[in-house]
PDB file of all heavy atoms in Angstrom:
ATOM      1  N   GLU A   1     110.017  98.318 106.567  1.00  0.00           N
ATOM      2  CA  GLU A   1     109.716  97.081 105.863  1.00  0.00           C
ATOM      3  C   GLU A   1     108.251  97.046 105.438  1.00  0.00           C
ATOM      4  O   GLU A   1     107.449  97.865 105.865  1.00  0.00           O
ATOM      5  CB  GLU A   1     110.032  95.877 106.753  1.00  0.00           C
ATOM      6  CG  GLU A   1     111.508  95.756 107.112  1.00  0.00           C
ATOM      7  CD  GLU A   1     111.784  94.561 107.999  1.00  0.00           C
ATOM      8  OE1 GLU A   1     110.857  94.166 108.759  1.00  0.00           O
ATOM      9  OE2 GLU A   1     112.907  94.014 107.953  1.00  0.00           O
ATOM     10  N   GLY A   2     107.936  96.076 104.600  1.00  0.00           N
ATOM     11  CA  GLY A   2     106.553  95.831 104.215  1.00  0.00           C
ATOM     12  C   GLY A   2     106.006  96.825 103.207  1.00  0.00           C
ATOM     13  O   GLY A   2     106.736  97.354 102.365  1.00  0.00           O
ATOM     14  N   GLU A   3     104.695  97.087 103.335  1.00  0.00           N
ATOM     15  CA  GLU A   3     103.998  97.922 102.358  1.00  0.00           C
ATOM     16  C   GLU A   3     104.553  99.336 102.299  1.00  0.00           C
ATOM     17  O   GLU A   3     104.694  99.913 101.220  1.00  0.00           O
ATOM     18  CB  GLU A   3     102.501  97.963 102.693  1.00  0.00           C
ATOM     19  CG  GLU A   3     101.668  98.725 101.673  1.00  0.00           C
ATOM     20  CD  GLU A   3     100.191  98.715 102.005  1.00  0.00           C
ATOM     21  OE1 GLU A   3      99.778  97.915 102.876  1.00  0.00           O
ATOM     22  OE2 GLU A   3      99.442  99.510 101.399  1.00  0.00           O
ATOM     23  N   ALA A   4     104.886  99.900 103.459  1.00  0.00           N
ATOM     24  CA  ALA A   4     105.422 101.266 103.482  1.00  0.00           C
ATOM     25  C   ALA A   4     106.741 101.337 102.734  1.00  0.00           C
ATOM     26  O   ALA A   4     107.003 102.285 101.970  1.00  0.00           O
ATOM     27  CB  ALA A   4     105.594 101.737 104.918  1.00  0.00           C
ATOM     28  N   ALA A   5     107.601 100.327 102.931  1.00  0.00           N
ATOM     29  CA  ALA A   5     108.883 100.303 102.233  1.00  0.00           C
ATOM     30  C   ALA A   5     108.681 100.107 100.733  1.00  0.00           C
ATOM     31  O   ALA A   5     109.374 100.719  99.908  1.00  0.00           O
ATOM     32  CB  ALA A   5     109.761  99.197 102.802  1.00  0.00           C
ATOM     33  N   HIS A   6     107.739  99.246 100.384  1.00  0.00           N
ATOM     34  CA  HIS A   6     107.449  99.017  98.963  1.00  0.00           C
ATOM     35  C   HIS A   6     106.983 100.310  98.296  1.00  0.00           C
ATOM     36  O   HIS A   6     107.402 100.645  97.191  1.00  0.00           O
ATOM     37  CB  HIS A   6     106.386  97.927  98.817  1.00  0.00           C
ATOM     38  CG  HIS A   6     106.028  97.631  97.402  1.00  0.00           C
ATOM     39  ND1 HIS A   6     106.767  96.793  96.597  1.00  0.00           N
ATOM     40  CD2 HIS A   6     105.005  98.086  96.611  1.00  0.00           C
ATOM     41  CE1 HIS A   6     106.218  96.734  95.376  1.00  0.00           C
ATOM     42  NE2 HIS A   6     105.146  97.511  95.383  1.00  0.00           N
ATOM     43  N   HIS A   7     106.101 101.033  98.985  1.00  0.00           N
ATOM     44  CA  HIS A   7     105.590 102.291  98.425  1.00  0.00           C
ATOM     45  C   HIS A   7     106.719 103.305  98.273  1.00  0.00           C
ATOM     46  O   HIS A   7     106.821 103.970  97.233  1.00  0.00           O
ATOM     47  CB  HIS A   7     104.502 102.851  99.346  1.00  0.00           C
ATOM     48  CG  HIS A   7     103.914 104.138  98.875  1.00  0.00           C
ATOM     49  ND1 HIS A   7     102.976 104.198  97.865  1.00  0.00           N
ATOM     50  CD2 HIS A   7     104.134 105.428  99.268  1.00  0.00           C
ATOM     51  CE1 HIS A   7     102.639 105.465  97.653  1.00  0.00           C
ATOM     52  NE2 HIS A   7     103.332 106.224  98.490  1.00  0.00           N
ATOM     53  N   LEU A   8     107.557 103.399  99.288  1.00  0.00           N
ATOM     54  CA  LEU A   8     108.652 104.355  99.228  1.00  0.00           C
ATOM     55  C   LEU A   8     109.646 104.008  98.128  1.00  0.00           C
ATOM     56  O   LEU A   8     110.090 104.870  97.368  1.00  0.00           O
ATOM     57  CB  LEU A   8     109.366 104.405 100.585  1.00  0.00           C
ATOM     58  CG  LEU A   8     110.502 105.410 100.726  1.00  0.00           C
ATOM     59  CD1 LEU A   8     109.993 106.833 100.534  1.00  0.00           C
ATOM     60  CD2 LEU A   8     111.161 105.284 102.095  1.00  0.00           C
ATOM     61  N   GLY A   9     109.974 102.720  98.027  1.00  0.00           N
ATOM     62  CA  GLY A   9     110.985 102.318  97.057  1.00  0.00           C
ATOM     63  C   GLY A   9     110.481 102.212  95.638  1.00  0.00           C
ATOM     64  O   GLY A   9     111.181 102.612  94.693  1.00  0.00           O
ATOM     65  N   ARG A  10     109.259 101.676  95.458  1.00  0.00           N
ATOM     66  CA  ARG A  10     108.771 101.401  94.101  1.00  0.00           C
ATOM     67  C   ARG A  10     107.885 102.495  93.529  1.00  0.00           C
ATOM     68  O   ARG A  10     107.896 102.741  92.330  1.00  0.00           O
ATOM     69  CB  ARG A  10     108.002 100.065  94.101  1.00  0.00           C
ATOM     70  CG  ARG A  10     108.844  98.888  94.535  1.00  0.00           C
ATOM     71  CD  ARG A  10     110.096  98.736  93.702  1.00  0.00           C
ATOM     72  NE  ARG A  10     110.988  97.709  94.251  1.00  0.00           N
ATOM     73  CZ  ARG A  10     112.200  97.462  93.794  1.00  0.00           C
ATOM     74  NH1 ARG A  10     112.689  98.192  92.802  1.00  0.00           N
ATOM     75  NH2 ARG A  10     112.937  96.533  94.355  1.00  0.00           N
ATOM     76  N   VAL A  11     107.097 103.119  94.386  1.00  0.00           N
ATOM     77  CA  VAL A  11     106.190 104.165  93.898  1.00  0.00           C
ATOM     78  C   VAL A  11     106.877 105.531  93.930  1.00  0.00           C
ATOM     79  O   VAL A  11     106.870 106.268  92.946  1.00  0.00           O
ATOM     80  CB  VAL A  11     104.891 104.190  94.734  1.00  0.00           C
ATOM     81  CG1 VAL A  11     103.966 105.304  94.236  1.00  0.00           C
ATOM     82  CG2 VAL A  11     104.190 102.837  94.666  1.00  0.00           C
ATOM     83  N   LEU A  12     107.473 105.859  95.073  1.00  0.00           N
ATOM     84  CA  LEU A  12     108.145 107.152  95.197  1.00  0.00           C
ATOM     85  C   LEU A  12     109.587 107.117  94.683  1.00  0.00           C
ATOM     86  O   LEU A  12     110.229 108.158  94.579  1.00  0.00           O
ATOM     87  CB  LEU A  12     108.137 107.608  96.663  1.00  0.00           C
ATOM     88  CG  LEU A  12     106.752 107.798  97.282  1.00  0.00           C
ATOM     89  CD1 LEU A  12     106.874 108.265  98.714  1.00  0.00           C
ATOM     90  CD2 LEU A  12     105.911 108.777  96.470  1.00  0.00           C
ATOM     91  N   ARG A  13     110.084 105.907  94.395  1.00  0.00           N
ATOM     92  CA  ARG A  13     111.418 105.715  93.807  1.00  0.00           C
ATOM     93  C   ARG A  13     112.524 106.355  94.653  1.00  0.00           C
ATOM     94  O   ARG A  13     113.358 107.124  94.160  1.00  0.00           O
ATOM     95  CB  ARG A  13     111.464 106.256  92.368  1.00  0.00           C
ATOM     96  CG  ARG A  13     110.457 105.570  91.454  1.00  0.00           C
ATOM     97  CD  ARG A  13     110.606 106.035  90.005  1.00  0.00           C
ATOM     98  NE  ARG A  13     109.622 105.400  89.142  1.00  0.00           N
ATOM     99  CZ  ARG A  13     109.732 104.178  88.634  1.00  0.00           C
ATOM    100  NH1 ARG A  13     110.800 103.458  88.916  1.00  0.00           N
ATOM    101  NH2 ARG A  13     108.791 103.683  87.847  1.00  0.00           N
ATOM    102  N   ALA A  14     112.491 106.041  95.937  1.00  0.00           N
ATOM    103  CA  ALA A  14     113.539 106.536  96.835  1.00  0.00           C
ATOM    104  C   ALA A  14     114.899 106.006  96.402  1.00  0.00           C
ATOM    105  O   ALA A  14     115.019 104.867  95.911  1.00  0.00           O
ATOM    106  CB  ALA A  14     113.241 106.104  98.263  1.00  0.00           C
ATOM    107  N   GLN A  15     115.907 106.820  96.588  1.00  0.00           N
ATOM    108  CA  GLN A  15     117.267 106.443  96.217  1.00  0.00           C
ATOM    109  C   GLN A  15     118.216 106.726  97.371  1.00  0.00           C
ATOM    110  O   GLN A  15     117.962 107.595  98.218  1.00  0.00           O
ATOM    111  CB  GLN A  15     117.720 107.229  94.977  1.00  0.00           C
ATOM    112  CG  GLN A  15     116.884 106.945  93.731  1.00  0.00           C
ATOM    113  CD  GLN A  15     117.348 107.751  92.534  1.00  0.00           C
ATOM    114  OE1 GLN A  15     118.338 108.475  92.618  1.00  0.00           O
ATOM    115  NE2 GLN A  15     116.649 107.611  91.423  1.00  0.00           N
ATOM    116  N   ALA A  16     119.314 105.990  97.392  1.00  0.00           N
ATOM    117  CA  ALA A  16     120.323 106.195  98.432  1.00  0.00           C
ATOM    118  C   ALA A  16     120.792 107.644  98.418  1.00  0.00           C
ATOM    119  O   ALA A  16     120.992 108.244  97.364  1.00  0.00           O
ATOM    120  CB  ALA A  16     121.501 105.249  98.203  1.00  0.00           C
ATOM    121  N   GLY A  17     120.912 108.197  99.625  1.00  0.00           N
ATOM    122  CA  GLY A  17     121.351 109.577  99.772  1.00  0.00           C
ATOM    123  C   GLY A  17     120.230 110.559 100.001  1.00  0.00           C
ATOM    124  O   GLY A  17     120.469 111.665 100.510  1.00  0.00           O
ATOM    125  N   GLN A  18     118.991 110.186  99.633  1.00  0.00           N
ATOM    126  CA  GLN A  18     117.859 111.086  99.877  1.00  0.00           C
ATOM    127  C   GLN A  18     117.542 111.150 101.369  1.00  0.00           C
ATOM    128  O   GLN A  18     117.751 110.186 102.106  1.00  0.00           O
ATOM    129  CB  GLN A  18     116.627 110.623  99.095  1.00  0.00           C
ATOM    130  CG  GLN A  18     116.762 110.771  97.590  1.00  0.00           C
ATOM    131  CD  GLN A  18     115.517 110.289  96.861  1.00  0.00           C
ATOM    132  OE1 GLN A  18     114.831 109.389  97.316  1.00  0.00           O
ATOM    133  NE2 GLN A  18     115.246 110.900  95.720  1.00  0.00           N
ATOM    134  N   VAL A  19     117.008 112.297 101.790  1.00  0.00           N
ATOM    135  CA  VAL A  19     116.713 112.513 103.213  1.00  0.00           C
ATOM    136  C   VAL A  19     115.205 112.612 103.411  1.00  0.00           C
ATOM    137  O   VAL A  19     114.517 113.318 102.664  1.00  0.00           O
ATOM    138  CB  VAL A  19     117.408 113.790 103.726  1.00  0.00           C
ATOM    139  CG1 VAL A  19     117.015 114.074 105.170  1.00  0.00           C
ATOM    140  CG2 VAL A  19     118.928 113.640 103.612  1.00  0.00           C
ATOM    141  N   TYR A  20     114.702 111.895 104.421  1.00  0.00           N
ATOM    142  CA  TYR A  20     113.283 111.893 104.749  1.00  0.00           C
ATOM    143  C   TYR A  20     113.113 112.193 106.238  1.00  0.00           C
ATOM    144  O   TYR A  20     114.058 112.073 107.020  1.00  0.00           O
ATOM    145  CB  TYR A  20     112.650 110.529 104.442  1.00  0.00           C
ATOM    146  CG  TYR A  20     112.494 110.238 102.974  1.00  0.00           C
ATOM    147  CD1 TYR A  20     113.561 109.696 102.249  1.00  0.00           C
ATOM    148  CD2 TYR A  20     111.302 110.497 102.314  1.00  0.00           C
ATOM    149  CE1 TYR A  20     113.423 109.420 100.894  1.00  0.00           C
ATOM    150  CE2 TYR A  20     111.156 110.220 100.966  1.00  0.00           C
ATOM    151  CZ  TYR A  20     112.216 109.688 100.259  1.00  0.00           C
ATOM    152  OH  TYR A  20     112.080 109.425  98.917  1.00  0.00           O
ATOM    153  N   GLU A  21     111.890 112.572 106.604  1.00  0.00           N
ATOM    154  CA  GLU A  21     111.523 112.682 108.009  1.00  0.00           C
ATOM    155  C   GLU A  21     110.832 111.390 108.425  1.00  0.00           C
ATOM    156  O   GLU A  21     109.889 110.952 107.771  1.00  0.00           O
ATOM    157  CB  GLU A  21     110.583 113.868 108.243  1.00  0.00           C
ATOM    158  CG  GLU A  21     111.232 115.220 108.024  1.00  0.00           C
ATOM    159  CD  GLU A  21     110.271 116.363 108.290  1.00  0.00           C
ATOM    160  OE1 GLU A  21     109.158 116.098 108.807  1.00  0.00           O
ATOM    161  OE2 GLU A  21     110.617 117.514 107.990  1.00  0.00           O
ATOM    162  N   LEU A  22     111.284 110.787 109.515  1.00  0.00           N
ATOM    163  CA  LEU A  22     110.688 109.562 110.031  1.00  0.00           C
ATOM    164  C   LEU A  22     110.130 109.812 111.428  1.00  0.00           C
ATOM    165  O   LEU A  22     110.722 110.547 112.220  1.00  0.00           O
ATOM    166  CB  LEU A  22     111.727 108.441 110.107  1.00  0.00           C
ATOM    167  CG  LEU A  22     112.403 108.010 108.804  1.00  0.00           C
ATOM    168  CD1 LEU A  22     113.343 106.831 109.077  1.00  0.00           C
ATOM    169  CD2 LEU A  22     111.383 107.641 107.746  1.00  0.00           C
ATOM    170  N   SER A  23     108.989 109.184 111.717  1.00  0.00           N
ATOM    171  CA  SER A  23     108.374 109.340 113.028  1.00  0.00           C
ATOM    172  C   SER A  23     107.967 107.982 113.567  1.00  0.00           C
ATOM    173  O   SER A  23     107.507 107.108 112.825  1.00  0.00           O
ATOM    174  CB  SER A  23     107.141 110.235 112.940  1.00  0.00           C
ATOM    175  OG  SER A  23     106.431 110.225 114.169  1.00  0.00           O
ATOM    176  N   ASP A  24     108.125 107.797 114.881  1.00  0.00           N
ATOM    177  CA  ASP A  24     107.668 106.584 115.559  1.00  0.00           C
ATOM    178  C   ASP A  24     106.398 106.836 116.359  1.00  0.00           C
ATOM    179  O   ASP A  24     105.975 106.015 117.166  1.00  0.00           O
ATOM    180  CB  ASP A  24     108.760 106.028 116.463  1.00  0.00           C
ATOM    181  CG  ASP A  24     109.171 106.997 117.566  1.00  0.00           C
ATOM    182  OD1 ASP A  24     108.586 108.098 117.640  1.00  0.00           O
ATOM    183  OD2 ASP A  24     110.062 106.651 118.352  1.00  0.00           O
ATOM    184  N   GLY A  25     105.775 107.983 116.144  1.00  0.00           N
ATOM    185  CA  GLY A  25     104.568 108.336 116.877  1.00  0.00           C
ATOM    186  C   GLY A  25     104.830 109.219 118.075  1.00  0.00           C
ATOM    187  O   GLY A  25     103.901 109.745 118.677  1.00  0.00           O
ATOM    188  N   ALA A  26     106.105 109.389 118.431  1.00  0.00           N
ATOM    189  CA  ALA A  26     106.457 110.255 119.547  1.00  0.00           C
ATOM    190  C   ALA A  26     107.590 111.210 119.196  1.00  0.00           C
ATOM    191  O   ALA A  26     107.648 112.322 119.705  1.00  0.00           O
ATOM    192  CB  ALA A  26     106.854 109.409 120.757  1.00  0.00           C
ATOM    193  N   HIS A  27     108.486 110.778 118.322  1.00  0.00           N
ATOM    194  CA  HIS A  27     109.649 111.578 117.949  1.00  0.00           C
ATOM    195  C   HIS A  27     109.748 111.665 116.430  1.00  0.00           C
ATOM    196  O   HIS A  27     109.217 110.812 115.707  1.00  0.00           O
ATOM    197  CB  HIS A  27     110.940 110.969 118.508  1.00  0.00           C
ATOM    198  CG  HIS A  27     110.923 110.770 119.989  1.00  0.00           C
ATOM    199  ND1 HIS A  27     110.465 109.612 120.578  1.00  0.00           N
ATOM    200  CD2 HIS A  27     111.277 111.593 121.000  1.00  0.00           C
ATOM    201  CE1 HIS A  27     110.546 109.720 121.885  1.00  0.00           C
ATOM    202  NE2 HIS A  27     111.033 110.919 122.173  1.00  0.00           N
ATOM    203  N   VAL A  28     110.441 112.691 115.961  1.00  0.00           N
ATOM    204  CA  VAL A  28     110.676 112.869 114.525  1.00  0.00           C
ATOM    205  C   VAL A  28     112.173 113.048 114.311  1.00  0.00           C
ATOM    206  O   VAL A  28     112.821 113.822 115.030  1.00  0.00           O
ATOM    207  CB  VAL A  28     109.925 114.110 113.977  1.00  0.00           C
ATOM    208  CG1 VAL A  28     110.176 114.265 112.476  1.00  0.00           C
ATOM    209  CG2 VAL A  28     108.430 113.992 114.242  1.00  0.00           C
ATOM    210  N   ARG A  29     112.706 112.327 113.334  1.00  0.00           N
ATOM    211  CA  ARG A  29     114.122 112.465 112.995  1.00  0.00           C
ATOM    212  C   ARG A  29     114.294 112.591 111.494  1.00  0.00           C
ATOM    213  O   ARG A  29     113.526 112.024 110.716  1.00  0.00           O
ATOM    214  CB  ARG A  29     114.921 111.241 113.457  1.00  0.00           C
ATOM    215  CG  ARG A  29     115.235 111.190 114.936  1.00  0.00           C
ATOM    216  CD  ARG A  29     116.103 109.990 115.248  1.00  0.00           C
ATOM    217  NE  ARG A  29     116.490 109.937 116.640  1.00  0.00           N
ATOM    218  CZ  ARG A  29     117.581 110.512 117.140  1.00  0.00           C
ATOM    219  NH1 ARG A  29     118.389 111.175 116.316  1.00  0.00           N
ATOM    220  NH2 ARG A  29     117.877 110.421 118.419  1.00  0.00           N
TER     221      ARG A  29
END
């Protein structure tokens, strides 16, 4: 949510089905 989501959706134009790496500071999925 928030600024990170806005950047991903509006600037990087993420679309359903695309795969990303996400991290919570301890794990990566």
